[in-house]
Amino acid sequence: MTQTTISRVTLQSIENYRSAATQAVAAYRVGGRRAVGAINGALKNSVYPRTAKLAPGATERMNVLRGNVSEFVVKGIDQIAKGADKAIKLGSTAAAAQVTKAARLTNRVDNETMANGLQAAARLTMPGARVALAVSGKVSQGASALADAIGARPVRKTARKAAAKPAAKRAQASRSKPARRAVRKAK
């Protein structure tokens, strides 16, 4: 079994928040496009048929304008989402790199007093880091639920708490289930 380190827990938390942010951006993109489509549909189906009877020329101009505005809004939604995705990637990559760099630096400490102090600090902060990991996991799951509800699914990965218990329970549960045979009924 591998030893859980403060850097490993922190990296897992960073991955959870990256995943949650990516899911939220995907939900924003799909939701924004869906809202534009709903407004366009309402205008085409409810408003334009009535106004076309009274002022067909004005209705046609409004329809063209609506198309131009919709195109502009969708491009804006996509640009914002693309920029947010880029910022998420850059931020999470930089944060993970800094955590990894700090972990490497602390592993190279030769001074025994300094090393003992770092180990004590790690032991004291580990419970808080585990709580932060659990919270980040729930945030990531919530963002996944939001993305599922709206129909956007770019990423599914959520870092798990560093423990072998869930896998062991699944393995034991699968061993305890009796095997079922498929039986054909004679006709």
Protein backbone atom coordinates (compact mmCIF):
# COMPACT_ATOMS: atom_id res chain seq x y z
CA MET A 1 0.00 0.00 0.00
CA THR A 2 1.36 3.42 -0.90
CA GLN A 3 1.77 6.08 1.75
CA THR A 4 -0.65 8.97 1.47
CA THR A 5 1.27 12.22 1.35
CA ILE A 6 0.08 15.77 1.69
CA SER A 7 1.20 16.46 -1.87
CA ARG A 8 -0.75 13.49 -3.25
CA VAL A 9 -3.93 14.59 -1.44
CA THR A 10 -3.41 18.16 -2.67
CA LEU A 11 -2.92 16.99 -6.26
CA GLN A 12 -6.11 14.95 -6.07
CA SER A 13 -7.99 18.00 -4.76
CA ILE A 14 -6.63 20.12 -7.61
CA GLU A 15 -7.80 17.48 -10.10
CA ASN A 16 -11.27 17.44 -8.52
CA TYR A 17 -11.60 21.21 -8.76
CA ARG A 18 -10.30 21.16 -12.36
CA SER A 19 -12.91 18.56 -13.22
CA ALA A 20 -15.67 20.54 -11.49
CA ALA A 21 -14.71 23.74 -13.29
CA THR A 22 -14.59 21.95 -16.65
CA GLN A 23 -18.03 20.46 -16.01
CA ALA A 24 -19.44 23.87 -15.05
CA VAL A 25 -18.07 25.44 -18.24
CA ALA A 26 -19.58 22.65 -20.33
CA ALA A 27 -22.93 23.16 -18.60
CA TYR A 28 -22.68 26.91 -19.26
CA ARG A 29 -21.97 26.31 -22.94
CA VAL A 30 -24.82 23.84 -23.45
CA GLY A 31 -27.23 25.84 -21.28
CA GLY A 32 -26.48 29.09 -23.07
CA ARG A 33 -26.98 27.52 -26.48
CA ARG A 34 -30.17 25.87 -25.28
CA ALA A 35 -31.51 29.22 -24.00
CA VAL A 36 -30.78 30.91 -27.33
CA GLY A 37 -32.53 28.06 -29.12
CA ALA A 38 -35.57 28.30 -26.84
CA ILE A 39 -35.90 32.04 -27.42
CA ASN A 40 -35.52 31.59 -31.17
CA GLY A 41 -38.13 28.81 -31.15
CA ALA A 42 -40.58 30.91 -29.15
CA LEU A 43 -40.17 33.82 -31.55
CA LYS A 44 -40.54 31.65 -34.66
CA ASN A 45 -43.52 29.69 -33.38
CA SER A 46 -45.47 32.25 -31.34
CA VAL A 47 -44.59 35.80 -32.34
CA TYR A 48 -43.67 35.74 -36.02
CA PRO A 49 -46.82 33.97 -37.27
CA ARG A 50 -48.96 36.71 -35.68
CA THR A 51 -46.83 39.65 -36.80
CA ALA A 52 -46.48 38.24 -40.33
CA LYS A 53 -50.22 38.77 -40.83
CA LEU A 54 -50.01 42.44 -39.88
CA ALA A 55 -46.55 43.47 -41.11
CA PRO A 56 -44.79 40.81 -43.20
CA GLY A 57 -41.87 43.07 -44.15
CA ALA A 58 -41.16 44.05 -40.54
CA THR A 59 -41.45 40.42 -39.48
CA GLU A 60 -38.87 39.39 -42.07
CA ARG A 61 -36.47 42.14 -40.91
CA MET A 62 -36.97 41.09 -37.27
CA ASN A 63 -36.26 37.49 -38.24
CA VAL A 64 -33.00 38.46 -39.96
CA LEU A 65 -32.00 40.62 -36.99
CA ARG A 66 -32.85 37.79 -34.59
CA GLY A 67 -30.63 35.44 -36.58
CA ASN A 68 -27.74 37.90 -36.50
CA VAL A 69 -28.10 38.52 -32.76
CA SER A 70 -28.41 34.79 -32.05
CA GLU A 71 -25.26 34.06 -34.02
CA PHE A 72 -23.41 36.82 -32.14
CA VAL A 73 -24.60 35.51 -28.75
CA VAL A 74 -23.65 31.90 -29.55
CA LYS A 75 -20.18 33.02 -30.68
CA GLY A 76 -19.82 34.95 -27.42
CA ILE A 77 -20.87 31.93 -25.37
CA ASP A 78 -18.36 29.76 -27.20
CA GLN A 79 -15.53 32.31 -26.83
CA ILE A 80 -16.16 32.68 -23.10
CA ALA A 81 -16.26 28.90 -22.64
CA LYS A 82 -13.09 28.44 -24.68
CA GLY A 83 -11.29 31.09 -22.62
CA ALA A 84 -12.51 29.55 -19.38
CA ASP A 85 -11.34 26.10 -20.48
CA LYS A 86 -7.92 27.51 -21.29
CA ALA A 87 -7.71 29.30 -17.93
CA ILE A 88 -8.76 26.13 -16.09
CA LYS A 89 -6.12 24.09 -17.86
CA LEU A 90 -3.37 26.65 -17.28
CA GLY A 91 -4.31 27.22 -13.64
CA SER A 92 -4.63 23.57 -12.69
CA THR A 93 -1.43 22.63 -14.51
CA ALA A 94 0.52 25.44 -12.83
CA ALA A 95 -0.87 24.60 -9.38
CA ALA A 96 -0.05 20.91 -9.78
CA ALA A 97 3.46 21.76 -10.97
CA GLN A 98 4.07 23.96 -7.93
CA VAL A 99 2.81 21.29 -5.52
CA THR A 100 5.07 18.73 -7.19
CA LYS A 101 8.02 21.13 -7.05
CA ALA A 102 7.45 21.81 -3.35
CA ALA A 103 7.20 18.08 -2.63
CA ARG A 104 10.51 17.46 -4.41
CA LEU A 105 12.17 20.26 -2.46
CA THR A 106 10.97 18.94 0.89
CA ASN A 107 12.17 15.43 0.01
CA ARG A 108 15.71 16.79 -0.49
CA VAL A 109 16.03 18.41 2.93
CA ASP A 110 19.21 17.13 4.62
CA ASN A 111 18.87 18.94 7.95
CA GLU A 112 17.32 16.50 10.44
CA THR A 113 15.65 19.22 12.51
CA MET A 114 14.14 20.80 9.41
CA ALA A 115 12.99 17.40 8.11
CA ASN A 116 11.33 16.58 11.44
CA GLY A 117 9.59 19.95 11.42
CA LEU A 118 8.28 19.38 7.89
CA GLN A 119 7.04 15.90 8.82
CA ALA A 120 5.27 17.29 11.90
CA ALA A 121 3.66 20.01 9.79
CA ALA A 122 2.51 17.39 7.29
CA ARG A 123 1.02 15.23 10.06
CA LEU A 124 -0.83 18.23 11.50
CA THR A 125 -2.23 19.38 8.16
CA MET A 126 -3.18 15.93 6.80
CA PRO A 127 -6.65 15.80 8.46
CA GLY A 128 -7.52 19.18 6.96
CA ALA A 129 -6.17 18.12 3.58
CA ARG A 130 -8.33 14.98 3.69
CA VAL A 131 -11.40 17.07 4.50
CA ALA A 132 -10.52 19.39 1.62
CA LEU A 133 -10.21 16.34 -0.66
CA ALA A 134 -13.62 15.08 0.43
CA VAL A 135 -15.16 18.51 -0.18
CA SER A 136 -13.52 18.78 -3.60
CA GLY A 137 -14.83 15.33 -4.47
CA LYS A 138 -18.39 16.40 -3.57
CA VAL A 139 -17.99 19.61 -5.57
CA SER A 140 -16.82 17.56 -8.55
CA GLN A 141 -19.74 15.16 -8.17
CA GLY A 142 -22.16 18.09 -7.98
CA ALA A 143 -20.68 19.62 -11.13
CA SER A 144 -21.01 16.24 -12.85
CA ALA A 145 -24.66 16.06 -11.78
CA LEU A 146 -25.21 19.55 -13.18
CA ALA A 147 -23.56 18.59 -16.45
CA ASP A 148 -25.65 15.40 -16.58
CA ALA A 149 -28.85 17.34 -15.95
CA ILE A 150 -28.15 19.79 -18.74
CA GLY A 151 -26.77 17.19 -21.15
CA ALA A 152 -23.08 18.15 -21.22
CA ARG A 153 -20.47 15.53 -20.34
CA PRO A 154 -16.87 16.48 -21.26
CA VAL A 155 -15.12 14.86 -18.28
CA ARG A 156 -16.16 12.18 -15.84
CA LYS A 157 -13.01 11.69 -13.76
CA THR A 158 -13.11 12.49 -10.04
CA ALA A 159 -10.08 11.72 -7.93
CA ARG A 160 -10.88 9.25 -5.17
CA LYS A 161 -9.84 9.35 -1.56
CA ALA A 162 -6.60 7.43 -1.18
CA ALA A 163 -7.96 4.20 0.32
CA ALA A 164 -8.43 0.65 -0.88
CA LYS A 165 -11.61 0.00 1.11
CA PRO A 166 -14.20 0.64 -1.66
CA ALA A 167 -12.40 -1.68 -4.10
CA ALA A 168 -12.07 -4.37 -1.44
CA LYS A 169 -15.78 -4.12 -0.61
CA ARG A 170 -16.74 -4.42 -4.29
CA ALA A 171 -14.49 -7.44 -4.72
CA GLN A 172 -15.97 -9.13 -1.65
CA ALA A 173 -19.53 -8.34 -2.77
CA SER A 174 -18.93 -9.82 -6.21
CA ARG A 175 -17.50 -13.01 -4.64
CA SER A 176 -20.46 -13.44 -2.30
CA LYS A 177 -23.11 -13.25 -5.03
CA PRO A 178 -24.27 -16.64 -6.27
CA ALA A 179 -23.80 -17.30 -9.95
CA ARG A 180 -27.01 -17.29 -11.97
CA ARG A 181 -27.52 -19.43 -14.99
CA ALA A 182 -29.53 -18.42 -17.97
CA VAL A 183 -32.28 -21.00 -18.45
CA ARG A 184 -34.23 -21.35 -21.65
CA LYS A 185 -37.85 -22.22 -21.40
CA ALA A 186 -39.13 -24.86 -23.75
CA LYS A 187 -41.99 -23.73 -25.93
